[in-house]
N, C-alpha and C. Protein backbone atom coordinates (compact mmCIF):
# COMPACT_ATOMS: atom_id res chain seq x y z
N MET A 1 -23.34 105.23 -12.84
CA MET A 1 -22.91 106.02 -11.08
C MET A 1 -22.71 107.65 -11.30
N ILE A 2 -23.44 108.23 -10.50
CA ILE A 2 -23.43 109.63 -9.91
C ILE A 2 -22.10 110.13 -9.65
N THR A 3 -21.41 111.30 -10.41
CA THR A 3 -20.08 112.11 -10.35
C THR A 3 -20.63 113.28 -9.47
N TRP A 4 -19.81 114.10 -9.02
CA TRP A 4 -19.55 115.37 -8.44
C TRP A 4 -20.16 116.26 -9.67
N THR A 5 -19.78 115.92 -11.44
CA THR A 5 -20.33 116.85 -12.07
C THR A 5 -21.57 116.58 -12.29
N ASP A 6 -22.04 115.14 -12.48
CA ASP A 6 -23.64 115.15 -12.76
C ASP A 6 -24.50 115.87 -11.43
N LEU A 7 -23.85 116.11 -10.15
CA LEU A 7 -24.39 117.03 -9.27
C LEU A 7 -24.46 118.33 -9.86
N ILE A 8 -23.34 118.90 -9.81
CA ILE A 8 -23.82 120.35 -10.05
C ILE A 8 -23.29 121.17 -11.24
N ILE A 9 -23.91 119.93 -12.27
CA ILE A 9 -24.09 120.68 -13.94
C ILE A 9 -25.47 121.79 -14.10
N LEU A 10 -26.77 121.04 -12.80
CA LEU A 10 -27.78 122.05 -13.66
C LEU A 10 -27.46 123.52 -12.89
N PRO A 11 -27.16 123.51 -11.38
CA PRO A 11 -26.76 124.96 -11.19
C PRO A 11 -25.81 125.49 -11.92
N VAL A 12 -24.67 125.22 -12.45
CA VAL A 12 -24.04 125.81 -12.97
C VAL A 12 -24.63 126.21 -14.94
N ALA A 13 -26.02 125.10 -15.05
CA ALA A 13 -26.17 125.75 -16.34
C ALA A 13 -27.26 126.51 -16.17
N ILE A 14 -27.67 126.67 -14.97
CA ILE A 14 -28.31 127.93 -14.82
C ILE A 14 -28.10 129.16 -14.72
N SER A 15 -26.83 129.31 -13.97
CA SER A 15 -26.16 130.29 -13.49
C SER A 15 -25.63 130.85 -14.89
N LEU A 16 -25.05 130.09 -15.78
CA LEU A 16 -24.94 129.84 -17.47
C LEU A 16 -25.86 130.80 -17.95
N GLY A 17 -27.38 130.32 -18.10
CA GLY A 17 -28.17 130.84 -18.79
C GLY A 17 -29.04 131.95 -17.95
N ILE A 18 -28.34 132.43 -16.75
CA ILE A 18 -28.76 134.09 -16.51
C ILE A 18 -28.35 135.13 -17.49
N ASP A 19 -27.07 134.82 -18.05
CA ASP A 19 -27.30 135.79 -18.97
C ASP A 19 -27.46 136.09 -20.07
N ALA A 20 -27.99 135.03 -20.72
CA ALA A 20 -29.26 134.23 -22.02
C ALA A 20 -30.29 135.09 -21.29
N PHE A 21 -30.90 135.02 -20.59
CA PHE A 21 -31.96 135.29 -19.69
C PHE A 21 -32.21 137.08 -19.64
N SER A 22 -31.00 137.46 -19.31
CA SER A 22 -31.20 138.80 -19.39
C SER A 22 -31.08 139.41 -20.39
N VAL A 23 -30.29 139.07 -21.99
CA VAL A 23 -30.21 139.52 -22.76
C VAL A 23 -31.37 139.41 -23.36
N ALA A 24 -31.69 138.19 -23.68
CA ALA A 24 -33.17 138.05 -24.20
C ALA A 24 -34.58 138.94 -23.79
N LEU A 25 -34.46 138.84 -22.26
CA LEU A 25 -34.95 139.98 -21.82
C LEU A 25 -35.11 141.35 -22.51
N SER A 26 -34.12 141.92 -22.47
CA SER A 26 -33.69 142.93 -23.52
C SER A 26 -33.72 142.92 -24.80
N ALA A 27 -33.76 141.74 -25.40
CA ALA A 27 -34.14 141.77 -27.02
C ALA A 27 -35.33 141.68 -27.21
N GLY A 28 -36.26 140.99 -25.83
CA GLY A 28 -37.83 140.78 -25.99
C GLY A 28 -38.32 141.89 -26.49
N ILE A 29 -37.78 143.00 -25.87
CA ILE A 29 -38.60 144.53 -25.35
C ILE A 29 -38.81 145.17 -26.87
N PHE A 30 -37.92 144.44 -27.95
CA PHE A 30 -38.50 145.54 -29.09
C PHE A 30 -39.14 144.51 -29.67
N PRO A 31 -40.63 145.21 -30.54
CA PRO A 31 -41.80 144.76 -31.16
C PRO A 31 -40.93 143.62 -32.24
N SER A 32 -41.85 142.86 -32.44
CA SER A 32 -41.56 142.23 -33.80
C SER A 32 -42.66 141.84 -34.43
N ASP A 33 -42.43 141.73 -36.24
CA ASP A 33 -43.40 141.47 -37.26
C ASP A 33 -44.01 140.08 -36.67
N ASP A 34 -42.86 139.20 -36.62
CA ASP A 34 -43.08 137.60 -36.41
C ASP A 34 -42.47 137.26 -35.24
N GLU A 35 -43.17 136.70 -34.45
CA GLU A 35 -42.52 137.06 -32.52
C GLU A 35 -42.23 135.78 -32.80
N ARG A 36 -42.55 134.66 -33.37
CA ARG A 36 -42.34 133.11 -33.20
C ARG A 36 -41.00 133.00 -33.84
N ARG A 37 -41.00 133.45 -35.39
CA ARG A 37 -39.36 133.21 -36.04
C ARG A 37 -38.56 133.92 -35.12
N ARG A 38 -38.73 135.42 -34.39
CA ARG A 38 -37.45 135.52 -33.78
C ARG A 38 -37.23 134.43 -32.24
N THR A 39 -38.66 134.56 -31.53
CA THR A 39 -38.24 133.47 -30.50
C THR A 39 -37.30 132.37 -30.95
N PHE A 40 -37.83 131.87 -32.34
CA PHE A 40 -36.88 130.45 -32.56
C PHE A 40 -35.41 130.57 -32.81
N ARG A 41 -35.28 132.20 -33.47
CA ARG A 41 -33.76 132.24 -33.91
C ARG A 41 -33.15 132.26 -31.73
N LEU A 42 -33.63 133.31 -31.36
CA LEU A 42 -33.00 133.60 -30.15
C LEU A 42 -32.59 132.25 -29.31
N VAL A 43 -33.73 131.33 -29.33
CA VAL A 43 -33.31 130.35 -28.59
C VAL A 43 -32.58 129.42 -29.24
N PHE A 44 -32.95 129.24 -30.31
CA PHE A 44 -31.61 128.18 -30.63
C PHE A 44 -30.48 128.31 -30.72
N HIS A 45 -30.13 129.71 -30.99
CA HIS A 45 -28.88 130.36 -31.18
C HIS A 45 -28.47 130.58 -29.82
N PHE A 46 -28.82 130.92 -28.80
CA PHE A 46 -28.51 130.90 -27.23
C PHE A 46 -27.87 129.47 -26.97
N GLY A 47 -28.88 128.90 -27.00
CA GLY A 47 -28.81 127.56 -26.76
C GLY A 47 -27.73 126.70 -27.28
N LEU A 48 -28.00 126.91 -28.94
CA LEU A 48 -26.48 126.43 -29.49
C LEU A 48 -25.10 126.76 -28.89
N PHE A 49 -24.97 127.94 -28.86
CA PHE A 49 -24.05 129.19 -28.27
C PHE A 49 -23.50 128.74 -26.95
N GLN A 50 -24.12 128.34 -26.11
CA GLN A 50 -23.95 128.05 -25.04
C GLN A 50 -23.76 126.72 -24.68
N GLY A 51 -23.98 125.79 -25.48
CA GLY A 51 -23.94 124.08 -25.63
C GLY A 51 -22.55 124.02 -26.20
N GLY A 52 -22.59 124.70 -27.40
CA GLY A 52 -21.18 124.95 -28.35
C GLY A 52 -20.14 125.53 -27.91
N MET A 53 -20.37 126.41 -27.11
CA MET A 53 -18.46 127.06 -26.35
C MET A 53 -18.35 125.81 -25.27
N THR A 54 -19.26 125.35 -24.80
CA THR A 54 -18.78 124.78 -23.40
C THR A 54 -18.32 123.42 -24.15
N LEU A 55 -18.68 122.83 -25.43
CA LEU A 55 -17.78 122.08 -26.39
C LEU A 55 -16.59 122.69 -26.80
N LEU A 56 -16.35 123.81 -26.92
CA LEU A 56 -14.76 123.96 -27.66
C LEU A 56 -14.24 124.16 -26.86
N GLY A 57 -15.01 124.91 -25.72
CA GLY A 57 -13.58 124.92 -24.23
C GLY A 57 -12.91 123.38 -24.04
N TRP A 58 -14.17 122.84 -24.25
CA TRP A 58 -13.50 121.69 -23.77
C TRP A 58 -12.48 120.60 -24.22
N LEU A 59 -12.94 121.13 -25.61
CA LEU A 59 -12.14 120.88 -26.50
C LEU A 59 -10.91 121.19 -26.41
N GLY A 60 -10.82 122.59 -26.36
CA GLY A 60 -9.32 123.73 -26.17
C GLY A 60 -8.70 123.11 -25.17
N GLY A 61 -9.30 122.63 -24.12
CA GLY A 61 -8.40 122.63 -23.18
C GLY A 61 -7.31 123.59 -22.48
N ARG A 62 -6.28 123.07 -22.23
CA ARG A 62 -5.07 123.85 -21.35
C ARG A 62 -4.88 124.88 -22.56
N THR A 63 -4.22 124.61 -24.02
CA THR A 63 -4.09 125.05 -24.74
C THR A 63 -4.49 126.65 -25.01
N MET A 64 -6.33 126.57 -25.27
CA MET A 64 -6.51 127.88 -25.42
C MET A 64 -7.34 128.42 -23.87
N GLU A 65 -6.88 127.73 -23.16
CA GLU A 65 -7.13 128.76 -21.44
C GLU A 65 -5.85 129.70 -21.68
N SER A 66 -5.23 129.23 -22.26
CA SER A 66 -3.51 130.17 -21.73
C SER A 66 -3.65 131.36 -22.93
N LEU A 67 -4.29 131.09 -24.47
CA LEU A 67 -4.52 131.73 -25.05
C LEU A 67 -5.42 133.27 -25.03
N ILE A 68 -6.57 132.85 -23.80
CA ILE A 68 -7.67 133.39 -24.26
C ILE A 68 -8.15 134.00 -22.68
N ALA A 69 -7.33 133.51 -21.78
CA ALA A 69 -8.06 133.91 -20.31
C ALA A 69 -7.92 135.35 -20.29
N ASP A 70 -6.55 135.69 -20.45
CA ASP A 70 -6.34 137.04 -20.57
C ASP A 70 -6.95 138.22 -20.92
N PHE A 71 -7.98 137.99 -21.92
CA PHE A 71 -8.91 138.95 -22.63
C PHE A 71 -10.57 138.55 -23.20
N ASP A 72 -10.47 137.37 -22.32
CA ASP A 72 -11.87 136.98 -22.79
C ASP A 72 -13.02 138.07 -22.23
N HIS A 73 -12.97 138.15 -21.25
CA HIS A 73 -14.04 138.93 -20.66
C HIS A 73 -13.58 140.31 -21.07
N TRP A 74 -12.84 141.02 -21.55
CA TRP A 74 -12.70 142.38 -22.60
C TRP A 74 -13.66 142.25 -23.67
N ILE A 75 -13.25 140.53 -24.34
CA ILE A 75 -14.40 140.82 -25.79
C ILE A 75 -16.07 140.41 -25.13
N ALA A 76 -16.47 140.06 -24.08
CA ALA A 76 -17.67 140.05 -23.89
C ALA A 76 -18.14 141.22 -23.73
N LEU A 77 -17.50 142.45 -22.60
CA LEU A 77 -17.92 143.35 -22.40
C LEU A 77 -17.80 144.32 -23.77
N ALA A 78 -16.99 144.68 -25.07
CA ALA A 78 -16.93 144.86 -26.07
C ALA A 78 -18.41 144.65 -26.96
N LEU A 79 -18.44 142.99 -27.19
CA LEU A 79 -19.28 142.77 -27.52
C LEU A 79 -20.80 143.13 -26.48
N LEU A 80 -20.89 142.96 -25.55
CA LEU A 80 -22.27 143.73 -24.61
C LEU A 80 -22.52 145.02 -25.17
N THR A 81 -21.58 145.80 -24.72
CA THR A 81 -21.86 147.48 -24.43
C THR A 81 -21.91 147.37 -26.17
N TYR A 82 -21.56 146.90 -27.36
CA TYR A 82 -22.03 147.31 -28.52
C TYR A 82 -23.31 147.42 -29.21
N VAL A 83 -24.03 146.30 -28.59
CA VAL A 83 -25.17 145.29 -28.49
C VAL A 83 -26.23 146.24 -27.64
N GLY A 84 -25.57 146.82 -26.43
CA GLY A 84 -26.43 147.85 -25.92
C GLY A 84 -26.41 149.19 -26.00
N GLY A 85 -25.65 149.22 -26.39
CA GLY A 85 -25.42 150.63 -26.60
C GLY A 85 -26.42 151.00 -28.34
N HIS A 86 -26.55 150.20 -29.23
CA HIS A 86 -27.32 150.11 -30.06
C HIS A 86 -28.79 150.32 -29.57
N MET A 87 -29.00 149.10 -28.73
CA MET A 87 -30.30 149.27 -28.24
C MET A 87 -30.60 150.49 -27.54
N LEU A 88 -29.47 151.42 -26.69
CA LEU A 88 -29.51 152.28 -26.31
C LEU A 88 -30.42 153.58 -27.14
N HIS A 89 -29.51 153.73 -28.29
CA HIS A 89 -29.15 154.57 -29.66
C HIS A 89 -30.79 154.41 -30.22
N SER A 90 -31.07 153.21 -30.49
CA SER A 90 -32.75 153.19 -31.15
C SER A 90 -33.49 153.54 -29.95
N ALA A 91 -33.54 153.08 -28.99
CA ALA A 91 -34.53 153.64 -27.28
C ALA A 91 -34.80 155.39 -27.70
N TRP A 92 -33.28 155.85 -27.77
CA TRP A 92 -33.38 157.20 -27.93
C TRP A 92 -34.10 158.00 -28.86
N ARG A 93 -33.73 157.22 -30.31
CA ARG A 93 -34.38 157.94 -31.47
C ARG A 93 -35.70 157.66 -31.54
N GLY A 94 -35.86 156.83 -31.13
CA GLY A 94 -37.60 156.23 -31.09
C GLY A 94 -38.06 155.52 -32.78
N ASP A 95 -39.00 155.27 -32.77
CA ASP A 95 -39.76 155.26 -33.77
C ASP A 95 -40.00 156.22 -34.78
N GLN A 96 -39.47 157.06 -34.77
CA GLN A 96 -39.84 158.41 -35.35
C GLN A 96 -39.37 157.69 -37.19
N ASP A 97 -38.83 157.19 -37.53
CA ASP A 97 -38.62 157.06 -38.66
C ASP A 97 -39.12 155.38 -39.22
N GLY A 98 -39.99 154.81 -38.05
CA GLY A 98 -40.57 153.79 -38.61
C GLY A 98 -39.34 152.47 -38.36
N TYR A 99 -37.83 152.88 -38.14
CA TYR A 99 -36.83 151.52 -38.38
C TYR A 99 -36.76 151.09 -37.28
N ARG A 100 -36.47 150.03 -36.60
CA ARG A 100 -35.39 149.09 -35.58
C ARG A 100 -34.75 148.03 -36.37
N GLN A 101 -33.73 148.11 -35.83
CA GLN A 101 -33.07 146.87 -36.29
C GLN A 101 -33.27 145.33 -35.44
N ASP A 102 -33.91 144.63 -36.47
CA ASP A 102 -33.98 142.68 -35.28
C ASP A 102 -33.17 142.47 -34.80
N PRO A 103 -33.06 142.46 -33.07
CA PRO A 103 -31.88 142.05 -32.45
C PRO A 103 -31.67 140.42 -32.78
N SER A 104 -32.93 139.88 -33.74
CA SER A 104 -32.70 138.31 -33.58
C SER A 104 -32.01 138.20 -34.77
N ARG A 105 -31.37 139.36 -36.01
CA ARG A 105 -30.86 139.04 -36.96
C ARG A 105 -29.13 139.04 -37.08
N GLY A 106 -29.03 138.95 -37.96
CA GLY A 106 -27.34 139.38 -38.37
C GLY A 106 -26.36 139.32 -37.37
N ILE A 107 -25.85 140.04 -37.49
CA ILE A 107 -24.40 140.28 -36.92
C ILE A 107 -25.25 140.58 -34.82
N MET A 108 -26.42 141.11 -34.97
CA MET A 108 -26.93 141.52 -33.75
C MET A 108 -27.21 140.14 -33.18
N LEU A 109 -27.40 139.20 -33.70
CA LEU A 109 -27.40 138.04 -32.92
C LEU A 109 -26.25 137.43 -32.93
N VAL A 110 -25.38 137.30 -33.90
CA VAL A 110 -24.05 136.55 -33.78
C VAL A 110 -23.23 137.18 -32.28
N LEU A 111 -23.54 138.62 -32.67
CA LEU A 111 -22.64 139.39 -30.84
C LEU A 111 -23.65 139.23 -29.64
N MET A 112 -24.70 138.96 -29.27
CA MET A 112 -25.25 138.73 -28.55
C MET A 112 -24.89 136.99 -28.21
N SER A 113 -25.05 136.10 -29.33
CA SER A 113 -24.65 134.82 -28.92
C SER A 113 -23.70 134.64 -28.15
N VAL A 114 -22.59 135.33 -28.90
CA VAL A 114 -21.04 134.79 -28.54
C VAL A 114 -20.84 135.93 -27.26
N GLY A 115 -21.12 137.13 -26.92
CA GLY A 115 -21.22 137.95 -25.71
C GLY A 115 -21.66 137.54 -24.33
N THR A 116 -22.79 136.41 -24.78
CA THR A 116 -23.65 135.65 -23.77
C THR A 116 -22.82 134.00 -23.66
N SER A 117 -21.79 133.54 -24.36
CA SER A 117 -21.57 132.35 -24.32
C SER A 117 -20.16 132.42 -23.91
N ILE A 118 -19.34 133.29 -23.54
CA ILE A 118 -18.36 133.76 -23.26
C ILE A 118 -17.80 132.93 -21.69
N ASP A 119 -18.74 132.56 -20.87
CA ASP A 119 -18.78 131.85 -19.86
C ASP A 119 -18.48 130.59 -20.06
N ALA A 120 -19.70 129.96 -20.64
CA ALA A 120 -19.45 128.43 -21.29
C ALA A 120 -18.28 128.10 -21.60
N LEU A 121 -17.49 128.66 -22.09
CA LEU A 121 -16.25 128.65 -22.79
C LEU A 121 -15.26 127.92 -21.29
N ALA A 122 -15.45 129.02 -20.71
CA ALA A 122 -14.18 129.09 -19.91
C ALA A 122 -15.12 127.62 -18.71
N VAL A 123 -16.51 126.91 -19.09
CA VAL A 123 -16.81 126.27 -17.77
C VAL A 123 -16.30 125.31 -18.98
N GLY A 124 -16.21 124.87 -20.30
CA GLY A 124 -15.68 123.95 -20.79
C GLY A 124 -14.36 123.39 -20.55
N LEU A 125 -13.71 124.46 -20.41
CA LEU A 125 -12.33 124.78 -20.01
C LEU A 125 -12.16 124.02 -18.59
N SER A 126 -12.68 124.44 -17.89
CA SER A 126 -12.29 123.62 -16.82
C SER A 126 -12.95 122.18 -16.39
N LEU A 127 -13.97 121.78 -17.41
CA LEU A 127 -14.55 120.51 -17.45
C LEU A 127 -13.54 119.52 -18.10
N ALA A 128 -12.43 120.29 -18.99
CA ALA A 128 -11.36 119.60 -19.79
C ALA A 128 -9.94 119.03 -18.20
N LEU A 129 -9.88 120.42 -17.63
CA LEU A 129 -8.58 119.86 -16.89
C LEU A 129 -9.09 118.87 -15.96
N THR A 130 -10.24 118.70 -15.62
CA THR A 130 -11.06 117.81 -14.36
C THR A 130 -11.10 116.80 -15.04
N GLY A 131 -10.90 116.26 -16.53
CA GLY A 131 -10.88 114.94 -16.73
C GLY A 131 -12.18 114.55 -17.30
N THR A 132 -13.28 115.33 -16.96
CA THR A 132 -14.83 115.42 -16.96
C THR A 132 -15.02 114.94 -18.59
N HIS A 133 -16.25 113.82 -18.55
CA HIS A 133 -17.14 114.18 -20.18
C HIS A 133 -17.51 115.20 -20.15
N VAL A 134 -17.53 115.99 -21.54
CA VAL A 134 -19.09 116.98 -21.69
C VAL A 134 -19.80 117.01 -22.53
N LEU A 135 -20.18 115.67 -23.17
CA LEU A 135 -21.32 116.19 -23.99
C LEU A 135 -22.63 116.05 -22.97
N TRP A 136 -22.34 115.66 -22.17
CA TRP A 136 -23.85 115.70 -21.11
C TRP A 136 -24.08 117.21 -20.62
N PRO A 137 -23.09 117.57 -19.94
CA PRO A 137 -22.97 119.09 -19.63
C PRO A 137 -23.28 120.00 -20.69
N SER A 138 -22.25 119.66 -21.90
CA SER A 138 -23.01 120.43 -23.24
C SER A 138 -24.39 120.51 -23.43
N LEU A 139 -24.87 119.12 -23.65
CA LEU A 139 -26.30 119.43 -23.96
C LEU A 139 -26.97 120.08 -22.88
N LEU A 140 -27.06 119.71 -21.18
CA LEU A 140 -27.43 120.43 -20.87
C LEU A 140 -27.75 122.24 -20.66
N ILE A 141 -26.19 122.35 -20.27
CA ILE A 141 -26.13 123.78 -20.50
C ILE A 141 -26.92 124.74 -21.46
N GLY A 142 -26.55 123.96 -23.07
CA GLY A 142 -27.12 124.30 -23.94
C GLY A 142 -29.16 124.41 -24.15
N VAL A 143 -29.61 123.36 -23.36
CA VAL A 143 -31.04 122.92 -22.86
C VAL A 143 -31.74 124.46 -21.85
N VAL A 144 -30.54 124.31 -21.04
CA VAL A 144 -30.96 125.49 -20.08
C VAL A 144 -30.95 126.53 -20.66
N ALA A 145 -29.75 127.06 -21.26
CA ALA A 145 -30.08 128.44 -21.84
C ALA A 145 -31.10 128.84 -22.79
N SER A 146 -31.42 127.58 -23.95
CA SER A 146 -32.83 127.82 -24.54
C SER A 146 -33.98 128.29 -24.12
N ALA A 147 -33.82 127.39 -22.53
CA ALA A 147 -35.52 127.34 -22.05
C ALA A 147 -35.22 128.57 -21.05
N MET A 148 -34.16 129.30 -20.71
CA MET A 148 -33.96 130.46 -19.95
C MET A 148 -34.24 131.85 -21.53
N THR A 149 -34.06 131.75 -22.53
CA THR A 149 -34.10 132.52 -23.31
C THR A 149 -35.43 132.86 -23.70
N TYR A 150 -36.08 131.75 -23.78
CA TYR A 150 -37.44 131.79 -24.15
C TYR A 150 -38.00 132.26 -23.23
N VAL A 151 -38.34 132.44 -21.61
CA VAL A 151 -38.77 133.05 -20.21
C VAL A 151 -38.32 134.35 -20.80
N GLY A 152 -36.72 134.25 -21.15
CA GLY A 152 -36.60 136.02 -21.16
C GLY A 152 -37.24 136.98 -21.90
N LEU A 153 -37.34 136.21 -23.30
CA LEU A 153 -38.27 136.81 -24.68
C LEU A 153 -39.42 137.02 -24.32
N ASN A 154 -40.03 136.55 -23.42
CA ASN A 154 -41.57 136.28 -23.05
C ASN A 154 -42.06 137.60 -22.44
N LEU A 155 -41.19 137.66 -21.14
CA LEU A 155 -41.07 138.86 -20.24
C LEU A 155 -40.76 140.22 -21.04
N GLY A 156 -40.01 140.15 -21.56
CA GLY A 156 -39.51 140.83 -22.40
C GLY A 156 -40.52 141.68 -22.61
N TYR A 157 -40.91 141.29 -23.90
CA TYR A 157 -41.81 141.55 -25.06
C TYR A 157 -42.98 142.00 -24.28
N ARG A 158 -43.84 141.27 -22.96
CA ARG A 158 -44.87 141.81 -21.70
C ARG A 158 -44.03 143.22 -21.28
N LEU A 159 -43.12 143.54 -21.20
CA LEU A 159 -42.61 144.70 -20.61
C LEU A 159 -42.71 145.78 -21.46
N GLY A 160 -42.21 145.52 -22.35
CA GLY A 160 -41.62 146.05 -23.76
C GLY A 160 -43.46 146.51 -23.97
N MET A 161 -44.48 146.04 -24.37
CA MET A 161 -45.68 146.51 -24.66
C MET A 161 -46.45 147.45 -23.24
N MET A 162 -46.02 146.87 -22.32
CA MET A 162 -46.91 147.88 -21.56
C MET A 162 -46.17 149.21 -21.07
N PHE A 163 -44.29 149.14 -21.28
CA PHE A 163 -43.89 150.27 -21.07
C PHE A 163 -42.92 150.91 -22.25
N GLY A 164 -43.11 150.40 -22.99
CA GLY A 164 -42.49 151.19 -24.39
C GLY A 164 -40.74 151.38 -23.93
N ARG A 165 -40.63 152.32 -24.72
CA ARG A 165 -39.43 152.95 -24.44
C ARG A 165 -38.46 153.01 -23.78
N PRO A 166 -39.10 153.51 -22.03
CA PRO A 166 -38.22 153.63 -21.16
C PRO A 166 -37.55 152.08 -20.60
N VAL A 167 -38.39 151.30 -21.14
CA VAL A 167 -37.57 149.43 -20.87
C VAL A 167 -36.95 149.09 -21.71
N GLU A 168 -37.08 149.96 -23.44
CA GLU A 168 -35.78 149.70 -24.17
C GLU A 168 -34.84 150.28 -24.12
N PHE A 169 -35.05 151.11 -23.53
CA PHE A 169 -33.57 152.16 -22.95
C PHE A 169 -32.83 151.44 -21.43
N MET A 170 -33.43 150.89 -20.59
CA MET A 170 -33.58 150.09 -19.48
C MET A 170 -32.55 148.64 -20.00
N GLY A 171 -32.92 148.10 -20.65
CA GLY A 171 -32.38 146.83 -21.95
C GLY A 171 -31.21 146.98 -22.37
N GLY A 172 -30.91 147.89 -22.83
CA GLY A 172 -29.66 148.61 -23.29
C GLY A 172 -28.72 148.66 -22.25
N LEU A 173 -29.24 149.01 -20.66
CA LEU A 173 -28.55 149.33 -19.67
C LEU A 173 -28.17 148.47 -19.22
N VAL A 174 -29.07 147.30 -19.05
CA VAL A 174 -28.72 146.12 -18.82
C VAL A 174 -28.02 145.19 -19.41
N LEU A 175 -27.71 144.92 -20.48
CA LEU A 175 -26.93 144.87 -21.34
C LEU A 175 -25.16 144.67 -21.53
N ILE A 176 -25.13 146.87 -21.25
CA ILE A 176 -23.91 147.03 -20.72
C ILE A 176 -23.49 146.31 -19.25
N GLY A 177 -24.39 146.59 -18.53
CA GLY A 177 -23.80 146.05 -16.99
C GLY A 177 -23.59 144.84 -17.10
N ILE A 178 -24.45 143.73 -17.63
CA ILE A 178 -24.00 142.41 -17.86
C ILE A 178 -22.66 142.38 -18.37
N GLY A 179 -21.98 143.19 -19.22
CA GLY A 179 -20.46 142.89 -19.81
C GLY A 179 -19.78 143.63 -18.74
N VAL A 180 -19.86 144.43 -18.11
CA VAL A 180 -19.36 145.13 -17.04
C VAL A 180 -18.92 144.17 -15.77
N GLN A 181 -20.10 143.52 -15.68
CA GLN A 181 -20.37 142.42 -14.53
C GLN A 181 -19.25 141.46 -14.86
N VAL A 182 -19.08 140.86 -16.17
CA VAL A 182 -18.32 139.91 -16.32
C VAL A 182 -16.86 140.36 -16.24
N VAL A 183 -16.14 141.40 -16.74
CA VAL A 183 -15.11 142.04 -16.31
C VAL A 183 -14.80 142.21 -15.05
N VAL A 184 -15.87 142.58 -13.91
CA VAL A 184 -14.94 142.82 -12.87
C VAL A 184 -15.13 141.51 -12.11
N SER A 185 -16.13 140.82 -12.19
CA SER A 185 -15.58 139.10 -12.12
C SER A 185 -14.30 138.63 -12.36
N HIS A 186 -13.99 138.48 -13.68
CA HIS A 186 -12.80 138.46 -13.92
C HIS A 186 -11.55 138.62 -13.33
N LEU A 187 -12.11 140.18 -12.97
CA LEU A 187 -10.53 140.63 -12.31
C LEU A 187 -10.16 140.73 -11.08
N SER A 188 -11.71 140.77 -10.40
CA SER A 188 -11.47 140.31 -8.90
C SER A 188 -11.33 138.73 -8.62
N ALA A 189 -10.76 138.08 -9.28
CA ALA A 189 -11.12 136.45 -9.17
C ALA A 189 -9.40 136.09 -9.23
């Protein structure tokens, strides 16, 4: 039997995946020595975090909602602003010293993964409050985020190759803009 959740979970997954797409677009701008590995890391982690945060939110239920609802949007803003600021700095500095930090490694990868999946945590919480099973929605949200990450990376890579540093600068601004949008949407709700 098809439930209301089955009908709305794909549009929800797509709306959650837009953040992953945007961040991947920004990250794809930076050239990498090994595009396949970078693509795998970002696609895997963004999908894992989106699906995993949905599951974590569901598991937390009402208890976690009351603990994080007041500041989750500020966490997303801080994480995305940090990563976006790092990208702005890198674009400003240019390639003069031959060094660019790969955004698909280490703390940058974790920060981007968490920053883009905070909203998935809220979706998981709402699924728990409605008594909905979470395995199918979590899986679908993770797969959609992975697919949108892949598309964003490839598009970002092409834009970066065509336009170089100005697009890197715009990528940093996009990340900061996503963080601001998350805060504005939470404060206006």
